[in-house]
Amino acid sequence: MAELTEQEIEQQMLNQMQQAQSPTPPVADTIPVGTAQFPQLDPTPTSADREKKMELLLDLTLPVAIELGRTNLMISEILNLKRGSIVEFEKLASEPVDILINGKKMAEGEVVVIEKHFGIRITNLAEATDRIKGLGK
């Protein structure tokens, strides 16, 4: 067996490195390819589909808050609050309160007292499209 020259060894190493960096994929047998067939989709949902989707939402719980009003207080004023202190809001007593669901205003109402309990009588609802948009944000 003849000995390889230094150049031939370098050439073989270079060839091996090139093959390792960009291996050629093995030649495969040709496979016939056909066109995929999909059923026709109906873009309009049926009322049964809508009811099913709505049923999924009925079990969700969302935070509900009643906002009597808002105000800005300095920290020193907050620290001076004690039992019996009065905090003035921007709204008047006769104005409706805001009903917030998931942080979005969905309705307005008035405060009612039934026996010893407070409640809210809804007087005005936001538009249905606005209410649905507000729930997702």
C-alpha atoms as a PDB file:
ATOM      1  CA  MET A   1       0.000   0.000   0.000  1.00  0.00           C
ATOM      2  CA  ALA A   2       1.407   3.340  -1.063  1.00  0.00           C
ATOM      3  CA  GLU A   3       1.803   6.035   1.491  1.00  0.00           C
ATOM      4  CA  LEU A   4      -0.257   9.198   1.046  1.00  0.00           C
ATOM      5  CA  THR A   5       1.463  12.483   0.640  1.00  0.00           C
ATOM      6  CA  GLU A   6       0.787  15.331   2.990  1.00  0.00           C
ATOM      7  CA  GLN A   7      -1.220  17.123   0.289  1.00  0.00           C
ATOM      8  CA  GLU A   8      -3.413  14.065  -0.333  1.00  0.00           C
ATOM      9  CA  ILE A   9      -4.120  13.711   3.402  1.00  0.00           C
ATOM     10  CA  GLU A  10      -5.063  17.400   3.640  1.00  0.00           C
ATOM     11  CA  GLN A  11      -7.306  17.023   0.581  1.00  0.00           C
ATOM     12  CA  GLN A  12      -9.088  13.989   2.084  1.00  0.00           C
ATOM     13  CA  MET A  13      -9.609  15.823   5.385  1.00  0.00           C
ATOM     14  CA  LEU A  14     -10.968  18.865   3.541  1.00  0.00           C
ATOM     15  CA  ASN A  15     -13.387  16.637   1.573  1.00  0.00           C
ATOM     16  CA  GLN A  16     -14.565  14.937   4.770  1.00  0.00           C
ATOM     17  CA  MET A  17     -15.149  18.297   6.465  1.00  0.00           C
ATOM     18  CA  GLN A  18     -17.142  19.585   3.489  1.00  0.00           C
ATOM     19  CA  GLN A  19     -19.284  16.446   3.468  1.00  0.00           C
ATOM     20  CA  ALA A  20     -19.938  16.773   7.210  1.00  0.00           C
ATOM     21  CA  GLN A  21     -21.002  20.419   6.857  1.00  0.00           C
ATOM     22  CA  SER A  22     -23.341  19.915   3.930  1.00  0.00           C
ATOM     23  CA  PRO A  23     -24.440  16.312   3.806  1.00  0.00           C
ATOM     24  CA  THR A  24     -26.328  15.323   0.707  1.00  0.00           C
ATOM     25  CA  PRO A  25     -29.729  13.833   1.416  1.00  0.00           C
ATOM     26  CA  PRO A  26     -30.089  10.165   0.537  1.00  0.00           C
ATOM     27  CA  VAL A  27     -31.814   9.513  -2.746  1.00  0.00           C
ATOM     28  CA  ALA A  28     -35.330   8.259  -2.081  1.00  0.00           C
ATOM     29  CA  ASP A  29     -37.696   6.437  -4.340  1.00  0.00           C
ATOM     30  CA  THR A  30     -40.237   8.707  -5.944  1.00  0.00           C
ATOM     31  CA  ILE A  31     -43.552   8.781  -4.141  1.00  0.00           C
ATOM     32  CA  PRO A  32     -46.705   9.775  -5.995  1.00  0.00           C
ATOM     33  CA  VAL A  33     -48.295  12.884  -4.462  1.00  0.00           C
ATOM     34  CA  GLY A  34     -52.004  13.635  -4.813  1.00  0.00           C
ATOM     35  CA  THR A  35     -54.109  16.707  -4.084  1.00  0.00           C
ATOM     36  CA  ALA A  36     -55.585  16.900  -0.581  1.00  0.00           C
ATOM     37  CA  GLN A  37     -59.374  16.787  -0.401  1.00  0.00           C
ATOM     38  CA  PHE A  38     -61.213  18.725   2.313  1.00  0.00           C
ATOM     39  CA  PRO A  39     -64.949  18.878   3.022  1.00  0.00           C
ATOM     40  CA  GLN A  40     -66.700  22.151   2.246  1.00  0.00           C
ATOM     41  CA  LEU A  41     -66.987  24.383   5.332  1.00  0.00           C
ATOM     42  CA  ASP A  42     -70.184  26.275   6.087  1.00  0.00           C
ATOM     43  CA  PRO A  43     -69.167  29.795   7.220  1.00  0.00           C
ATOM     44  CA  THR A  44     -72.507  30.584   8.878  1.00  0.00           C
ATOM     45  CA  PRO A  45     -72.848  29.046  12.344  1.00  0.00           C
ATOM     46  CA  THR A  46     -76.164  27.509  13.224  1.00  0.00           C
ATOM     47  CA  SER A  47     -78.170  28.632  16.232  1.00  0.00           C
ATOM     48  CA  ALA A  48     -77.264  25.336  17.928  1.00  0.00           C
ATOM     49  CA  ASP A  49     -73.558  26.179  17.485  1.00  0.00           C
ATOM     50  CA  ARG A  50     -74.103  29.615  18.998  1.00  0.00           C
ATOM     51  CA  GLU A  51     -76.018  28.172  21.952  1.00  0.00           C
ATOM     52  CA  LYS A  52     -73.220  25.658  22.597  1.00  0.00           C
ATOM     53  CA  LYS A  53     -70.628  28.436  22.618  1.00  0.00           C
ATOM     54  CA  MET A  54     -72.788  30.560  24.899  1.00  0.00           C
ATOM     55  CA  GLU A  55     -73.209  27.651  27.325  1.00  0.00           C
ATOM     56  CA  LEU A  56     -69.417  27.520  27.721  1.00  0.00           C
ATOM     57  CA  LEU A  57     -69.443  31.143  28.876  1.00  0.00           C
ATOM     58  CA  LEU A  58     -72.300  30.826  31.343  1.00  0.00           C
ATOM     59  CA  ASP A  59     -70.092  29.209  34.024  1.00  0.00           C
ATOM     60  CA  LEU A  60     -67.470  31.979  34.004  1.00  0.00           C
ATOM     61  CA  THR A  61     -67.272  34.284  36.982  1.00  0.00           C
ATOM     62  CA  LEU A  62     -66.366  37.938  36.552  1.00  0.00           C
ATOM     63  CA  PRO A  63     -65.717  40.610  39.165  1.00  0.00           C
ATOM     64  CA  VAL A  64     -68.597  43.062  39.589  1.00  0.00           C
ATOM     65  CA  ALA A  65     -67.964  46.442  41.228  1.00  0.00           C
ATOM     66  CA  ILE A  66     -70.262  49.350  41.988  1.00  0.00           C
ATOM     67  CA  GLU A  67     -68.526  52.697  41.759  1.00  0.00           C
ATOM     68  CA  LEU A  68     -70.119  55.443  43.823  1.00  0.00           C
ATOM     69  CA  GLY A  69     -67.565  57.985  42.650  1.00  0.00           C
ATOM     70  CA  ARG A  70     -63.899  58.868  42.562  1.00  0.00           C
ATOM     71  CA  THR A  71     -61.682  61.375  44.271  1.00  0.00           C
ATOM     72  CA  ASN A  72     -58.005  62.160  44.729  1.00  0.00           C
ATOM     73  CA  LEU A  73     -56.557  62.392  48.214  1.00  0.00           C
ATOM     74  CA  MET A  74     -53.074  63.213  49.406  1.00  0.00           C
ATOM     75  CA  ILE A  75     -51.371  60.568  51.505  1.00  0.00           C
ATOM     76  CA  SER A  76     -51.552  62.827  54.552  1.00  0.00           C
ATOM     77  CA  GLU A  77     -55.363  63.055  54.119  1.00  0.00           C
ATOM     78  CA  ILE A  78     -55.642  59.281  53.806  1.00  0.00           C
ATOM     79  CA  LEU A  79     -53.577  58.787  56.968  1.00  0.00           C
ATOM     80  CA  ASN A  80     -55.906  61.153  58.850  1.00  0.00           C
ATOM     81  CA  LEU A  81     -59.048  59.150  57.957  1.00  0.00           C
ATOM     82  CA  LYS A  82     -60.799  57.570  60.914  1.00  0.00           C
ATOM     83  CA  ARG A  83     -64.212  56.192  61.773  1.00  0.00           C
ATOM     84  CA  GLY A  84     -66.801  58.839  60.964  1.00  0.00           C
ATOM     85  CA  SER A  85     -64.602  60.667  58.424  1.00  0.00           C
ATOM     86  CA  ILE A  86     -66.375  61.828  55.284  1.00  0.00           C
ATOM     87  CA  VAL A  87     -64.799  61.405  51.836  1.00  0.00           C
ATOM     88  CA  GLU A  88     -66.270  63.635  49.153  1.00  0.00           C
ATOM     89  CA  PHE A  89     -66.662  62.207  45.636  1.00  0.00           C
ATOM     90  CA  GLU A  90     -66.831  63.995  42.304  1.00  0.00           C
ATOM     91  CA  LYS A  91     -70.404  62.750  41.770  1.00  0.00           C
ATOM     92  CA  LEU A  92     -73.485  64.180  43.369  1.00  0.00           C
ATOM     93  CA  ALA A  93     -75.677  62.022  45.621  1.00  0.00           C
ATOM     94  CA  SER A  94     -78.484  62.129  43.043  1.00  0.00           C
ATOM     95  CA  GLU A  95     -76.289  60.876  40.174  1.00  0.00           C
ATOM     96  CA  PRO A  96     -76.400  57.204  39.157  1.00  0.00           C
ATOM     97  CA  VAL A  97     -73.636  54.836  40.242  1.00  0.00           C
ATOM     98  CA  ASP A  98     -71.543  52.945  37.689  1.00  0.00           C
ATOM     99  CA  ILE A  99     -71.765  49.167  37.490  1.00  0.00           C
ATOM    100  CA  LEU A 100     -68.417  47.754  36.382  1.00  0.00           C
ATOM    101  CA  ILE A 101     -68.015  44.181  35.224  1.00  0.00           C
ATOM    102  CA  ASN A 102     -64.457  43.011  34.767  1.00  0.00           C
ATOM    103  CA  GLY A 103     -63.380  46.650  35.107  1.00  0.00           C
ATOM    104  CA  LYS A 104     -65.582  47.909  32.249  1.00  0.00           C
ATOM    105  CA  LYS A 105     -68.698  50.055  32.673  1.00  0.00           C
ATOM    106  CA  MET A 106     -71.697  47.935  31.703  1.00  0.00           C
ATOM    107  CA  ALA A 107     -74.587  49.785  33.325  1.00  0.00           C
ATOM    108  CA  GLU A 108     -75.730  52.565  35.614  1.00  0.00           C
ATOM    109  CA  GLY A 109     -78.020  52.274  38.576  1.00  0.00           C
ATOM    110  CA  GLU A 110     -79.297  53.837  41.752  1.00  0.00           C
ATOM    111  CA  VAL A 111     -78.642  52.781  45.309  1.00  0.00           C
ATOM    112  CA  VAL A 112     -81.659  51.304  47.103  1.00  0.00           C
ATOM    113  CA  VAL A 113     -82.121  50.171  50.692  1.00  0.00           C
ATOM    114  CA  ILE A 114     -84.230  47.088  51.349  1.00  0.00           C
ATOM    115  CA  GLU A 115     -84.735  46.540  55.067  1.00  0.00           C
ATOM    116  CA  LYS A 116     -81.127  46.758  56.343  1.00  0.00           C
ATOM    117  CA  HIS A 117     -79.414  45.842  53.057  1.00  0.00           C
ATOM    118  CA  PHE A 118     -78.093  48.002  50.259  1.00  0.00           C
ATOM    119  CA  GLY A 119     -78.760  47.117  46.645  1.00  0.00           C
ATOM    120  CA  ILE A 120     -78.496  48.593  43.170  1.00  0.00           C
ATOM    121  CA  ARG A 121     -81.458  49.079  40.835  1.00  0.00           C
ATOM    122  CA  ILE A 122     -80.214  49.036  37.238  1.00  0.00           C
ATOM    123  CA  THR A 123     -81.537  52.069  35.391  1.00  0.00           C
ATOM    124  CA  ASN A 124     -79.494  52.102  32.206  1.00  0.00           C
ATOM    125  CA  LEU A 125     -77.604  49.349  30.332  1.00  0.00           C
ATOM    126  CA  ALA A 126     -74.748  49.919  27.923  1.00  0.00           C
ATOM    127  CA  GLU A 127     -75.407  48.843  24.341  1.00  0.00           C
ATOM    128  CA  ALA A 128     -75.206  45.053  23.906  1.00  0.00           C
ATOM    129  CA  THR A 129     -72.287  45.283  21.471  1.00  0.00           C
ATOM    130  CA  ASP A 130     -70.368  47.532  23.877  1.00  0.00           C
ATOM    131  CA  ARG A 131     -71.050  45.158  26.779  1.00  0.00           C
ATOM    132  CA  ILE A 132     -69.718  42.151  24.840  1.00  0.00           C
ATOM    133  CA  LYS A 133     -66.646  44.080  23.647  1.00  0.00           C
ATOM    134  CA  GLY A 134     -65.959  45.248  27.188  1.00  0.00           C
ATOM    135  CA  LEU A 135     -65.970  41.735  28.651  1.00  0.00           C
ATOM    136  CA  GLY A 136     -63.052  40.570  26.531  1.00  0.00           C
ATOM    137  CA  LYS A 137     -60.648  43.371  27.425  1.00  0.00           C
END
